[in-house]
């Protein structure tokens, strides 16, 4: 069994970085592929993603983010929520019936799958596109029902870390949407019974996240970032107490195994709430990032509960 990493959290970091490129390289590569995949195959999109990831890493390290895990490791082709859903193998039944199978996003077959889900086909409607909290960004809504097959697909998130390390020598920090936010941001499949909730699959999804974290640990990842922006919103048909209880259960499970990277939980787009900060402090989560652009400085009780574990102050807004 791999021992848990003890790499200190960096003293400065960013939680994300614009991904389409300074000259919109990713957008151009995707549009060329969509327009003529024979002339511009999926591999050209993947090559563009790799080049942009390495360029971003070089820029951020050049600006001083040189400590291990200071640079986030992203690089998804279309959407970060869809990317995380595909790391769980979440392919809606109507696409599965048409021959689409779970695939790592950073493969030619994965790009084909991402394209079908986000753009639809000549006879299948795409995933719904909806607003990401109070930003101008829109995300593709995963469809997760009681019978949606799920399976861990760690290959792409591992390869992003390993490929960047090999190319640049930089130890990055993989980023995923956290399990609670992912399910709250999802919708049931269109054929599900009334009353079905993606959140009812929480136990299944947490088990898959445990598998993903184990694969990252095996690859030498010291820190992973799990984003839980849902905690800063009250737009859920779920009592706050139930939400916070689920949060504590989820992260008690994810932080328990020895074979995992250290876990940074982030809450952006507003205040996490002291109840959530205290709930996470009762688990073995290794660090918490709070939004001081829109949220409040954690109170004394929360800071005391976190003790010597890092509480990362988010002082620069990320909505631009």
C-alpha atoms as a PDB file:
ATOM      1  CA  UNK A   1       0.000   0.000   0.000  1.00  0.00           C
ATOM      2  CA  UNK A   2       1.215   3.487  -0.857  1.00  0.00           C
ATOM      3  CA  UNK A   3       1.947   5.667   2.178  1.00  0.00           C
ATOM      4  CA  UNK A   4       0.038   8.917   2.364  1.00  0.00           C
ATOM      5  CA  UNK A   5       1.946  11.925   1.062  1.00  0.00           C
ATOM      6  CA  UNK A   6       3.163  14.566   3.511  1.00  0.00           C
ATOM      7  CA  UNK A   7       4.173  17.282   1.031  1.00  0.00           C
ATOM      8  CA  UNK A   8       3.424  20.690   2.624  1.00  0.00           C
ATOM      9  CA  UNK A   9       0.730  22.734   0.936  1.00  0.00           C
ATOM     10  CA  UNK A  10       2.306  25.578  -1.099  1.00  0.00           C
ATOM     11  CA  UNK A  11       2.306  29.065   0.391  1.00  0.00           C
ATOM     12  CA  UNK A  12       0.881  30.520  -2.838  1.00  0.00           C
ATOM     13  CA  UNK A  13      -1.344  28.963  -5.481  1.00  0.00           C
ATOM     14  CA  UNK A  14      -4.250  29.484  -7.864  1.00  0.00           C
ATOM     15  CA  UNK A  15      -7.321  27.260  -8.005  1.00  0.00           C
ATOM     16  CA  UNK A  16      -7.625  27.387 -11.788  1.00  0.00           C
ATOM     17  CA  UNK A  17      -6.461  29.163 -14.933  1.00  0.00           C
ATOM     18  CA  UNK A  18      -8.051  30.099 -18.300  1.00  0.00           C
ATOM     19  CA  UNK A  19      -7.775  27.083 -20.546  1.00  0.00           C
ATOM     20  CA  UNK A  20      -8.642  28.003 -24.146  1.00  0.00           C
ATOM     21  CA  UNK A  21      -5.276  29.651 -24.823  1.00  0.00           C
ATOM     22  CA  UNK A  22      -4.215  33.260 -25.417  1.00  0.00           C
ATOM     23  CA  UNK A  23      -5.141  32.984 -29.089  1.00  0.00           C
ATOM     24  CA  UNK A  24      -8.187  30.718 -28.500  1.00  0.00           C
ATOM     25  CA  UNK A  25      -6.191  27.746 -29.693  1.00  0.00           C
ATOM     26  CA  UNK A  26      -8.444  25.160 -28.048  1.00  0.00           C
ATOM     27  CA  UNK A  27     -11.613  26.683 -29.495  1.00  0.00           C
ATOM     28  CA  UNK A  28     -10.071  26.675 -32.971  1.00  0.00           C
ATOM     29  CA  UNK A  29      -8.910  23.063 -32.643  1.00  0.00           C
ATOM     30  CA  UNK A  30     -12.344  21.893 -31.487  1.00  0.00           C
ATOM     31  CA  UNK A  31     -14.163  23.770 -34.240  1.00  0.00           C
ATOM     32  CA  UNK A  32     -11.800  22.356 -36.869  1.00  0.00           C
ATOM     33  CA  UNK A  33     -12.419  18.828 -35.569  1.00  0.00           C
ATOM     34  CA  UNK A  34     -16.169  19.320 -35.454  1.00  0.00           C
ATOM     35  CA  UNK A  35     -16.166  20.734 -38.974  1.00  0.00           C
ATOM     36  CA  UNK A  36     -14.002  18.073 -40.640  1.00  0.00           C
ATOM     37  CA  UNK A  37     -12.812  15.227 -38.394  1.00  0.00           C
ATOM     38  CA  UNK A  38     -11.161  13.485 -41.327  1.00  0.00           C
ATOM     39  CA  UNK A  39      -8.932  16.481 -42.015  1.00  0.00           C
ATOM     40  CA  UNK A  40      -8.576  17.511 -38.354  1.00  0.00           C
ATOM     41  CA  UNK A  41      -8.744  14.296 -36.287  1.00  0.00           C
ATOM     42  CA  UNK A  42      -9.370  14.104 -32.550  1.00  0.00           C
ATOM     43  CA  UNK A  43      -5.654  13.747 -31.928  1.00  0.00           C
ATOM     44  CA  UNK A  44      -5.155  17.364 -33.008  1.00  0.00           C
ATOM     45  CA  UNK A  45      -7.441  18.449 -30.156  1.00  0.00           C
ATOM     46  CA  UNK A  46      -5.476  16.303 -27.715  1.00  0.00           C
ATOM     47  CA  UNK A  47      -2.169  17.715 -28.963  1.00  0.00           C
ATOM     48  CA  UNK A  48      -3.519  21.242 -28.478  1.00  0.00           C
ATOM     49  CA  UNK A  49      -4.652  20.409 -24.938  1.00  0.00           C
ATOM     50  CA  UNK A  50      -1.225  19.032 -24.071  1.00  0.00           C
ATOM     51  CA  UNK A  51       0.586  22.060 -25.481  1.00  0.00           C
ATOM     52  CA  UNK A  52      -1.690  24.481 -23.613  1.00  0.00           C
ATOM     53  CA  UNK A  53      -1.312  22.560 -20.353  1.00  0.00           C
ATOM     54  CA  UNK A  54       2.471  22.692 -20.625  1.00  0.00           C
ATOM     55  CA  UNK A  55       2.400  26.389 -21.598  1.00  0.00           C
ATOM     56  CA  UNK A  56       0.185  27.241 -18.627  1.00  0.00           C
ATOM     57  CA  UNK A  57       2.439  25.295 -16.287  1.00  0.00           C
ATOM     58  CA  UNK A  58       5.504  27.123 -17.587  1.00  0.00           C
ATOM     59  CA  UNK A  59       3.802  30.498 -17.216  1.00  0.00           C
ATOM     60  CA  UNK A  60       2.657  29.871 -13.647  1.00  0.00           C
ATOM     61  CA  UNK A  61       5.988  28.475 -12.519  1.00  0.00           C
ATOM     62  CA  UNK A  62       7.669  31.455 -14.179  1.00  0.00           C
ATOM     63  CA  UNK A  63       5.470  33.719 -12.072  1.00  0.00           C
ATOM     64  CA  UNK A  64       6.720  32.035  -8.913  1.00  0.00           C
ATOM     65  CA  UNK A  65       4.413  29.059  -8.324  1.00  0.00           C
ATOM     66  CA  UNK A  66       7.320  26.633  -8.124  1.00  0.00           C
ATOM     67  CA  UNK A  67       6.443  24.605  -5.022  1.00  0.00           C
ATOM     68  CA  UNK A  68       5.084  21.075  -5.511  1.00  0.00           C
ATOM     69  CA  UNK A  69       1.307  21.145  -6.129  1.00  0.00           C
ATOM     70  CA  UNK A  70       1.174  24.944  -6.523  1.00  0.00           C
ATOM     71  CA  UNK A  71      -0.017  24.673 -10.143  1.00  0.00           C
ATOM     72  CA  UNK A  72      -3.429  23.080 -10.792  1.00  0.00           C
ATOM     73  CA  UNK A  73      -3.545  20.294 -13.370  1.00  0.00           C
ATOM     74  CA  UNK A  74      -6.561  20.704 -15.631  1.00  0.00           C
ATOM     75  CA  UNK A  75      -6.813  20.670 -19.418  1.00  0.00           C
ATOM     76  CA  UNK A  76     -10.289  19.340 -20.261  1.00  0.00           C
ATOM     77  CA  UNK A  77     -11.510  19.818 -23.822  1.00  0.00           C
ATOM     78  CA  UNK A  78     -15.033  21.164 -23.327  1.00  0.00           C
ATOM     79  CA  UNK A  79     -16.248  21.438 -19.730  1.00  0.00           C
ATOM     80  CA  UNK A  80     -14.900  20.604 -16.271  1.00  0.00           C
ATOM     81  CA  UNK A  81     -18.204  19.224 -14.960  1.00  0.00           C
ATOM     82  CA  UNK A  82     -18.588  16.915 -17.951  1.00  0.00           C
ATOM     83  CA  UNK A  83     -14.929  15.945 -17.587  1.00  0.00           C
ATOM     84  CA  UNK A  84     -15.479  14.856 -13.975  1.00  0.00           C
ATOM     85  CA  UNK A  85     -18.674  13.003 -14.880  1.00  0.00           C
ATOM     86  CA  UNK A  86     -16.763  11.057 -17.521  1.00  0.00           C
ATOM     87  CA  UNK A  87     -14.102  10.183 -14.931  1.00  0.00           C
ATOM     88  CA  UNK A  88     -17.003   8.317 -13.295  1.00  0.00           C
ATOM     89  CA  UNK A  89     -18.081   6.689 -16.560  1.00  0.00           C
ATOM     90  CA  UNK A  90     -21.446   8.504 -16.548  1.00  0.00           C
ATOM     91  CA  UNK A  91     -22.812   7.920 -20.055  1.00  0.00           C
ATOM     92  CA  UNK A  92     -26.604   8.429 -20.312  1.00  0.00           C
ATOM     93  CA  UNK A  93     -28.619   5.416 -21.434  1.00  0.00           C
ATOM     94  CA  UNK A  94     -29.724   6.980 -24.723  1.00  0.00           C
ATOM     95  CA  UNK A  95     -26.080   7.411 -25.752  1.00  0.00           C
ATOM     96  CA  UNK A  96     -25.105   3.964 -24.488  1.00  0.00           C
ATOM     97  CA  UNK A  97     -27.902   2.463 -26.579  1.00  0.00           C
ATOM     98  CA  UNK A  98     -26.372   4.165 -29.615  1.00  0.00           C
ATOM     99  CA  UNK A  99     -23.001   2.511 -29.011  1.00  0.00           C
ATOM    100  CA  UNK A 100     -21.218   5.116 -26.895  1.00  0.00           C
ATOM    101  CA  UNK A 101     -19.219   3.637 -24.028  1.00  0.00           C
ATOM    102  CA  UNK A 102     -17.260   5.184 -21.138  1.00  0.00           C
ATOM    103  CA  UNK A 103     -13.903   6.460 -22.320  1.00  0.00           C
ATOM    104  CA  UNK A 104     -11.088   8.514 -20.860  1.00  0.00           C
ATOM    105  CA  UNK A 105     -11.647  12.082 -22.157  1.00  0.00           C
ATOM    106  CA  UNK A 106      -8.020  12.515 -23.233  1.00  0.00           C
ATOM    107  CA  UNK A 107      -8.197   9.855 -25.943  1.00  0.00           C
ATOM    108  CA  UNK A 108      -9.572  10.030 -29.491  1.00  0.00           C
ATOM    109  CA  UNK A 109     -12.549   7.899 -28.430  1.00  0.00           C
ATOM    110  CA  UNK A 110     -13.034  10.170 -25.437  1.00  0.00           C
ATOM    111  CA  UNK A 111     -13.106  13.260 -27.659  1.00  0.00           C
ATOM    112  CA  UNK A 112     -15.752  11.552 -29.807  1.00  0.00           C
ATOM    113  CA  UNK A 113     -17.806  10.850 -26.678  1.00  0.00           C
ATOM    114  CA  UNK A 114     -17.416  14.391 -25.332  1.00  0.00           C
ATOM    115  CA  UNK A 115     -18.485  15.755 -28.713  1.00  0.00           C
ATOM    116  CA  UNK A 116     -21.596  13.578 -28.853  1.00  0.00           C
ATOM    117  CA  UNK A 117     -22.627  14.467 -25.301  1.00  0.00           C
ATOM    118  CA  UNK A 118     -22.048  18.196 -25.701  1.00  0.00           C
ATOM    119  CA  UNK A 119     -23.278  18.660 -29.281  1.00  0.00           C
ATOM    120  CA  UNK A 120     -25.658  15.761 -29.756  1.00  0.00           C
ATOM    121  CA  UNK A 121     -25.882  13.616 -32.868  1.00  0.00           C
ATOM    122  CA  UNK A 122     -28.249  13.594 -35.812  1.00  0.00           C
ATOM    123  CA  UNK A 123     -30.815  11.762 -33.649  1.00  0.00           C
ATOM    124  CA  UNK A 124     -29.740  12.342 -30.019  1.00  0.00           C
ATOM    125  CA  UNK A 125     -30.218  15.542 -28.063  1.00  0.00           C
ATOM    126  CA  UNK A 126     -27.099  16.780 -26.235  1.00  0.00           C
ATOM    127  CA  UNK A 127     -26.813  17.252 -22.508  1.00  0.00           C
ATOM    128  CA  UNK A 128     -28.537  20.349 -21.183  1.00  0.00           C
ATOM    129  CA  UNK A 129     -26.379  23.472 -21.006  1.00  0.00           C
ATOM    130  CA  UNK A 130     -27.040  25.673 -17.979  1.00  0.00           C
ATOM    131  CA  UNK A 131     -25.531  28.558 -16.037  1.00  0.00           C
ATOM    132  CA  UNK A 132     -22.610  27.896 -13.668  1.00  0.00           C
ATOM    133  CA  UNK A 133     -23.707  29.608 -10.447  1.00  0.00           C
ATOM    134  CA  UNK A 134     -23.676  33.410 -10.875  1.00  0.00           C
ATOM    135  CA  UNK A 135     -21.062  33.510 -13.631  1.00  0.00           C
ATOM    136  CA  UNK A 136     -21.369  33.890 -17.395  1.00  0.00           C
ATOM    137  CA  UNK A 137     -19.987  30.375 -17.852  1.00  0.00           C
ATOM    138  CA  UNK A 138     -22.323  27.521 -18.744  1.00  0.00           C
ATOM    139  CA  UNK A 139     -21.733  23.837 -18.066  1.00  0.00           C
ATOM    140  CA  UNK A 140     -23.136  20.586 -19.433  1.00  0.00           C
ATOM    141  CA  UNK A 141     -25.475  18.955 -16.930  1.00  0.00           C
ATOM    142  CA  UNK A 142     -24.562  15.304 -16.258  1.00  0.00           C
ATOM    143  CA  UNK A 143     -27.442  12.829 -16.304  1.00  0.00           C
ATOM    144  CA  UNK A 144     -27.193  10.339 -13.448  1.00  0.00           C
ATOM    145  CA  UNK A 145     -30.165   8.159 -12.587  1.00  0.00           C
ATOM    146  CA  UNK A 146     -30.765   5.159 -10.317  1.00  0.00           C
ATOM    147  CA  UNK A 147     -29.644   2.741 -13.033  1.00  0.00           C
ATOM    148  CA  UNK A 148     -26.961   4.770 -14.821  1.00  0.00           C
ATOM    149  CA  UNK A 149     -23.869   2.535 -15.008  1.00  0.00           C
ATOM    150  CA  UNK A 150     -20.864   4.153 -13.336  1.00  0.00           C
ATOM    151  CA  UNK A 151     -17.213   3.114 -13.367  1.00  0.00           C
ATOM    152  CA  UNK A 152     -13.964   4.816 -12.414  1.00  0.00           C
ATOM    153  CA  UNK A 153     -11.990   6.116 -15.414  1.00  0.00           C
ATOM    154  CA  UNK A 154      -8.770   7.545 -13.921  1.00  0.00           C
ATOM    155  CA  UNK A 155      -6.586   7.402 -17.030  1.00  0.00           C
ATOM    156  CA  UNK A 156      -6.901  11.022 -18.165  1.00  0.00           C
ATOM    157  CA  UNK A 157      -6.443  12.694 -14.788  1.00  0.00           C
ATOM    158  CA  UNK A 158      -3.417  10.493 -14.124  1.00  0.00           C
ATOM    159  CA  UNK A 159      -1.923  11.155 -17.572  1.00  0.00           C
ATOM    160  CA  UNK A 160      -2.354  14.929 -17.245  1.00  0.00           C
ATOM    161  CA  UNK A 161      -0.292  14.827 -14.073  1.00  0.00           C
ATOM    162  CA  UNK A 162       2.298  12.357 -15.368  1.00  0.00           C
ATOM    163  CA  UNK A 163       2.643  13.970 -18.795  1.00  0.00           C
ATOM    164  CA  UNK A 164       3.135  17.449 -17.371  1.00  0.00           C
ATOM    165  CA  UNK A 165       5.662  16.148 -14.861  1.00  0.00           C
ATOM    166  CA  UNK A 166       7.648  14.437 -17.615  1.00  0.00           C
ATOM    167  CA  UNK A 167       7.515  17.435 -19.970  1.00  0.00           C
ATOM    168  CA  UNK A 168       8.127  20.258 -17.489  1.00  0.00           C
ATOM    169  CA  UNK A 169       9.429  18.688 -14.285  1.00  0.00           C
ATOM    170  CA  UNK A 170       6.551  20.315 -12.382  1.00  0.00           C
ATOM    171  CA  UNK A 171       4.505  18.448  -9.781  1.00  0.00           C
ATOM    172  CA  UNK A 172       0.966  19.693 -10.380  1.00  0.00           C
ATOM    173  CA  UNK A 173      -2.310  19.341  -8.448  1.00  0.00           C
ATOM    174  CA  UNK A 174      -5.172  17.489 -10.190  1.00  0.00           C
ATOM    175  CA  UNK A 175      -8.582  19.165  -9.946  1.00  0.00           C
ATOM    176  CA  UNK A 176     -12.014  17.534  -9.918  1.00  0.00           C
ATOM    177  CA  UNK A 177     -15.492  18.733  -9.097  1.00  0.00           C
ATOM    178  CA  UNK A 178     -16.227  17.257  -5.673  1.00  0.00           C
ATOM    179  CA  UNK A 179     -18.764  14.421  -5.384  1.00  0.00           C
ATOM    180  CA  UNK A 180     -21.428  16.381  -3.518  1.00  0.00           C
ATOM    181  CA  UNK A 181     -21.405  19.317  -5.939  1.00  0.00           C
ATOM    182  CA  UNK A 182     -21.247  17.016  -8.964  1.00  0.00           C
ATOM    183  CA  UNK A 183     -24.451  15.239  -7.976  1.00  0.00           C
ATOM    184  CA  UNK A 184     -26.246  18.426  -6.975  1.00  0.00           C
ATOM    185  CA  UNK A 185     -25.337  19.914 -10.358  1.00  0.00           C
ATOM    186  CA  UNK A 186     -26.597  16.814 -12.200  1.00  0.00           C
ATOM    187  CA  UNK A 187     -30.104  15.825 -13.240  1.00  0.00           C
ATOM    188  CA  UNK A 188     -31.871  12.473 -13.520  1.00  0.00           C
ATOM    189  CA  UNK A 189     -31.976  10.746 -16.868  1.00  0.00           C
ATOM    190  CA  UNK A 190     -35.072  11.624 -18.871  1.00  0.00           C
ATOM    191  CA  UNK A 191     -36.501   8.112 -18.465  1.00  0.00           C
ATOM    192  CA  UNK A 192     -36.142   8.010 -14.673  1.00  0.00           C
ATOM    193  CA  UNK A 193     -39.119   7.768 -12.376  1.00  0.00           C
ATOM    194  CA  UNK A 194     -40.425  11.038 -10.887  1.00  0.00           C
ATOM    195  CA  UNK A 195     -38.647  11.827  -7.648  1.00  0.00           C
ATOM    196  CA  UNK A 196     -35.359  10.211  -8.649  1.00  0.00           C
ATOM    197  CA  UNK A 197     -32.371  12.272  -7.503  1.00  0.00           C
ATOM    198  CA  UNK A 198     -28.753  12.009  -8.624  1.00  0.00           C
ATOM    199  CA  UNK A 199     -27.860  12.553  -4.956  1.00  0.00           C
ATOM    200  CA  UNK A 200     -29.307   9.106  -4.232  1.00  0.00           C
ATOM    201  CA  UNK A 201     -26.191   7.691  -5.943  1.00  0.00           C
ATOM    202  CA  UNK A 202     -23.860   9.365  -3.435  1.00  0.00           C
ATOM    203  CA  UNK A 203     -22.557   6.124  -1.920  1.00  0.00           C
ATOM    204  CA  UNK A 204     -21.735   4.724  -5.373  1.00  0.00           C
ATOM    205  CA  UNK A 205     -20.038   7.934  -6.461  1.00  0.00           C
ATOM    206  CA  UNK A 206     -17.928   8.265  -3.306  1.00  0.00           C
ATOM    207  CA  UNK A 207     -16.667   4.713  -3.820  1.00  0.00           C
ATOM    208  CA  UNK A 208     -15.546   5.682  -7.333  1.00  0.00           C
ATOM    209  CA  UNK A 209     -13.828   8.828  -6.081  1.00  0.00           C
ATOM    210  CA  UNK A 210     -11.928   6.628  -3.633  1.00  0.00           C
ATOM    211  CA  UNK A 211     -10.730   4.587  -6.609  1.00  0.00           C
ATOM    212  CA  UNK A 212      -9.710   7.748  -8.482  1.00  0.00           C
ATOM    213  CA  UNK A 213      -7.772   9.037  -5.467  1.00  0.00           C
ATOM    214  CA  UNK A 214      -6.012   5.697  -5.092  1.00  0.00           C
ATOM    215  CA  UNK A 215      -4.933   5.820  -8.753  1.00  0.00           C
ATOM    216  CA  UNK A 216      -3.610   9.351  -8.267  1.00  0.00           C
ATOM    217  CA  UNK A 217      -1.674   8.260  -5.184  1.00  0.00           C
ATOM    218  CA  UNK A 218      -0.117   5.421  -7.168  1.00  0.00           C
ATOM    219  CA  UNK A 219       0.996   7.998  -9.765  1.00  0.00           C
ATOM    220  CA  UNK A 220       2.777  10.049  -7.100  1.00  0.00           C
ATOM    221  CA  UNK A 221       0.248  12.880  -6.793  1.00  0.00           C
ATOM    222  CA  UNK A 222       0.843  14.681  -3.453  1.00  0.00           C
ATOM    223  CA  UNK A 223      -2.274  16.888  -3.444  1.00  0.00           C
ATOM    224  CA  UNK A 224      -5.672  16.732  -5.163  1.00  0.00           C
ATOM    225  CA  UNK A 225      -8.198  19.579  -5.329  1.00  0.00           C
ATOM    226  CA  UNK A 226     -11.903  18.784  -4.944  1.00  0.00           C
ATOM    227  CA  UNK A 227     -14.172  21.745  -5.696  1.00  0.00           C
ATOM    228  CA  UNK A 228     -17.421  21.981  -3.706  1.00  0.00           C
ATOM    229  CA  UNK A 229     -19.018  25.280  -4.824  1.00  0.00           C
ATOM    230  CA  UNK A 230     -22.482  23.912  -4.031  1.00  0.00           C
ATOM    231  CA  UNK A 231     -21.822  24.713  -0.374  1.00  0.00           C
ATOM    232  CA  UNK A 232     -21.955  28.432  -1.128  1.00  0.00           C
ATOM    233  CA  UNK A 233     -25.403  28.201  -2.735  1.00  0.00           C
ATOM    234  CA  UNK A 234     -28.853  27.754  -1.245  1.00  0.00           C
ATOM    235  CA  UNK A 235     -30.407  26.811  -4.569  1.00  0.00           C
ATOM    236  CA  UNK A 236     -30.896  23.126  -3.758  1.00  0.00           C
ATOM    237  CA  UNK A 237     -34.111  21.363  -2.827  1.00  0.00           C
ATOM    238  CA  UNK A 238     -32.330  20.010   0.210  1.00  0.00           C
ATOM    239  CA  UNK A 239     -32.311  21.225   3.829  1.00  0.00           C
ATOM    240  CA  UNK A 240     -29.003  22.832   4.769  1.00  0.00           C
ATOM    241  CA  UNK A 241     -28.536  20.444   7.688  1.00  0.00           C
ATOM    242  CA  UNK A 242     -28.895  17.470   5.335  1.00  0.00           C
ATOM    243  CA  UNK A 243     -26.396  18.998   2.917  1.00  0.00           C
ATOM    244  CA  UNK A 244     -23.803  19.563   5.650  1.00  0.00           C
ATOM    245  CA  UNK A 245     -24.335  16.074   7.087  1.00  0.00           C
ATOM    246  CA  UNK A 246     -23.779  14.580   3.633  1.00  0.00           C
ATOM    247  CA  UNK A 247     -20.641  16.690   3.242  1.00  0.00           C
ATOM    248  CA  UNK A 248     -19.169  15.348   6.469  1.00  0.00           C
ATOM    249  CA  UNK A 249     -20.020  11.755   5.567  1.00  0.00           C
ATOM    250  CA  UNK A 250     -18.502  12.093   2.094  1.00  0.00           C
ATOM    251  CA  UNK A 251     -15.211  13.562   3.240  1.00  0.00           C
ATOM    252  CA  UNK A 252     -14.879  11.297   6.247  1.00  0.00           C
ATOM    253  CA  UNK A 253     -14.944   8.430   3.754  1.00  0.00           C
ATOM    254  CA  UNK A 254     -12.652  10.043   1.187  1.00  0.00           C
ATOM    255  CA  UNK A 255     -10.062  11.141   3.746  1.00  0.00           C
ATOM    256  CA  UNK A 256      -9.959   7.869   5.688  1.00  0.00           C
ATOM    257  CA  UNK A 257      -7.866   5.621   3.381  1.00  0.00           C
ATOM    258  CA  UNK A 258      -4.097   5.764   3.671  1.00  0.00           C
ATOM    259  CA  UNK A 259      -3.713   5.299  -0.089  1.00  0.00           C
ATOM    260  CA  UNK A 260      -4.686   8.748  -1.279  1.00  0.00           C
ATOM    261  CA  UNK A 261      -3.177  12.154  -2.016  1.00  0.00           C
ATOM    262  CA  UNK A 262      -3.666  14.917   0.491  1.00  0.00           C
ATOM    263  CA  UNK A 263      -7.039  16.564  -0.109  1.00  0.00           C
ATOM    264  CA  UNK A 264      -7.734  20.267  -0.601  1.00  0.00           C
ATOM    265  CA  UNK A 265     -11.457  21.070  -0.539  1.00  0.00           C
ATOM    266  CA  UNK A 266     -12.336  24.402  -2.133  1.00  0.00           C
ATOM    267  CA  UNK A 267     -15.533  26.425  -1.839  1.00  0.00           C
ATOM    268  CA  UNK A 268     -15.795  29.204  -4.399  1.00  0.00           C
ATOM    269  CA  UNK A 269     -18.514  31.625  -5.504  1.00  0.00           C
ATOM    270  CA  UNK A 270     -19.442  32.687  -1.989  1.00  0.00           C
ATOM    271  CA  UNK A 271     -19.275  31.793   1.668  1.00  0.00           C
ATOM    272  CA  UNK A 272     -19.013  28.131   2.653  1.00  0.00           C
ATOM    273  CA  UNK A 273     -20.711  28.725   5.989  1.00  0.00           C
ATOM    274  CA  UNK A 274     -19.278  27.928   9.389  1.00  0.00           C
ATOM    275  CA  UNK A 275     -21.393  24.764   9.583  1.00  0.00           C
ATOM    276  CA  UNK A 276     -19.636  23.341   6.508  1.00  0.00           C
ATOM    277  CA  UNK A 277     -16.205  24.504   7.666  1.00  0.00           C
ATOM    278  CA  UNK A 278     -16.702  22.765  11.019  1.00  0.00           C
ATOM    279  CA  UNK A 279     -18.068  19.623   9.357  1.00  0.00           C
ATOM    280  CA  UNK A 280     -15.006  19.336   7.123  1.00  0.00           C
ATOM    281  CA  UNK A 281     -12.727  20.008  10.103  1.00  0.00           C
ATOM    282  CA  UNK A 282     -14.173  16.909  11.795  1.00  0.00           C
ATOM    283  CA  UNK A 283     -12.830  14.780   8.934  1.00  0.00           C
ATOM    284  CA  UNK A 284      -9.224  14.074   7.955  1.00  0.00           C
ATOM    285  CA  UNK A 285      -9.317  16.471   4.989  1.00  0.00           C
ATOM    286  CA  UNK A 286      -5.903  18.117   4.806  1.00  0.00           C
ATOM    287  CA  UNK A 287      -6.700  21.700   3.711  1.00  0.00           C
ATOM    288  CA  UNK A 288      -9.621  24.020   3.009  1.00  0.00           C
ATOM    289  CA  UNK A 289      -9.793  26.946   0.565  1.00  0.00           C
ATOM    290  CA  UNK A 290     -12.329  29.692   1.280  1.00  0.00           C
ATOM    291  CA  UNK A 291     -13.571  32.532  -0.921  1.00  0.00           C
ATOM    292  CA  UNK A 292     -12.734  35.895   0.664  1.00  0.00           C
ATOM    293  CA  UNK A 293     -13.739  37.767  -2.494  1.00  0.00           C
ATOM    294  CA  UNK A 294     -17.435  36.999  -1.907  1.00  0.00           C
ATOM    295  CA  UNK A 295     -17.343  35.181   1.428  1.00  0.00           C
ATOM    296  CA  UNK A 296     -16.373  35.960   5.002  1.00  0.00           C
ATOM    297  CA  UNK A 297     -13.177  35.298   6.922  1.00  0.00           C
ATOM    298  CA  UNK A 298     -13.754  32.055   8.868  1.00  0.00           C
ATOM    299  CA  UNK A 299     -14.688  32.643  12.482  1.00  0.00           C
ATOM    300  CA  UNK A 300     -12.626  31.708  15.488  1.00  0.00           C
ATOM    301  CA  UNK A 301     -14.425  28.412  16.057  1.00  0.00           C
ATOM    302  CA  UNK A 302     -13.724  27.219  12.507  1.00  0.00           C
ATOM    303  CA  UNK A 303     -10.091  28.320  12.549  1.00  0.00           C
ATOM    304  CA  UNK A 304      -9.564  26.637  15.903  1.00  0.00           C
ATOM    305  CA  UNK A 305     -11.157  23.439  14.605  1.00  0.00           C
ATOM    306  CA  UNK A 306      -8.789  23.379  11.632  1.00  0.00           C
ATOM    307  CA  UNK A 307      -5.811  23.738  13.950  1.00  0.00           C
ATOM    308  CA  UNK A 308      -2.521  23.547  12.076  1.00  0.00           C
ATOM    309  CA  UNK A 309      -4.078  22.354   8.834  1.00  0.00           C
ATOM    310  CA  UNK A 310      -3.892  24.962   6.042  1.00  0.00           C
ATOM    311  CA  UNK A 311      -6.846  27.272   5.447  1.00  0.00           C
ATOM    312  CA  UNK A 312      -6.213  28.859   2.044  1.00  0.00           C
ATOM    313  CA  UNK A 313      -7.429  32.444   1.644  1.00  0.00           C
ATOM    314  CA  UNK A 314      -8.956  33.100  -1.776  1.00  0.00           C
ATOM    315  CA  UNK A 315      -8.380  36.811  -2.276  1.00  0.00           C
ATOM    316  CA  UNK A 316      -8.602  37.136  -6.075  1.00  0.00           C
ATOM    317  CA  UNK A 317     -11.975  36.614  -7.746  1.00  0.00           C
ATOM    318  CA  UNK A 318     -12.201  33.966 -10.448  1.00  0.00           C
ATOM    319  CA  UNK A 319     -15.240  35.139 -12.405  1.00  0.00           C
ATOM    320  CA  UNK A 320     -13.460  36.936 -15.239  1.00  0.00           C
END
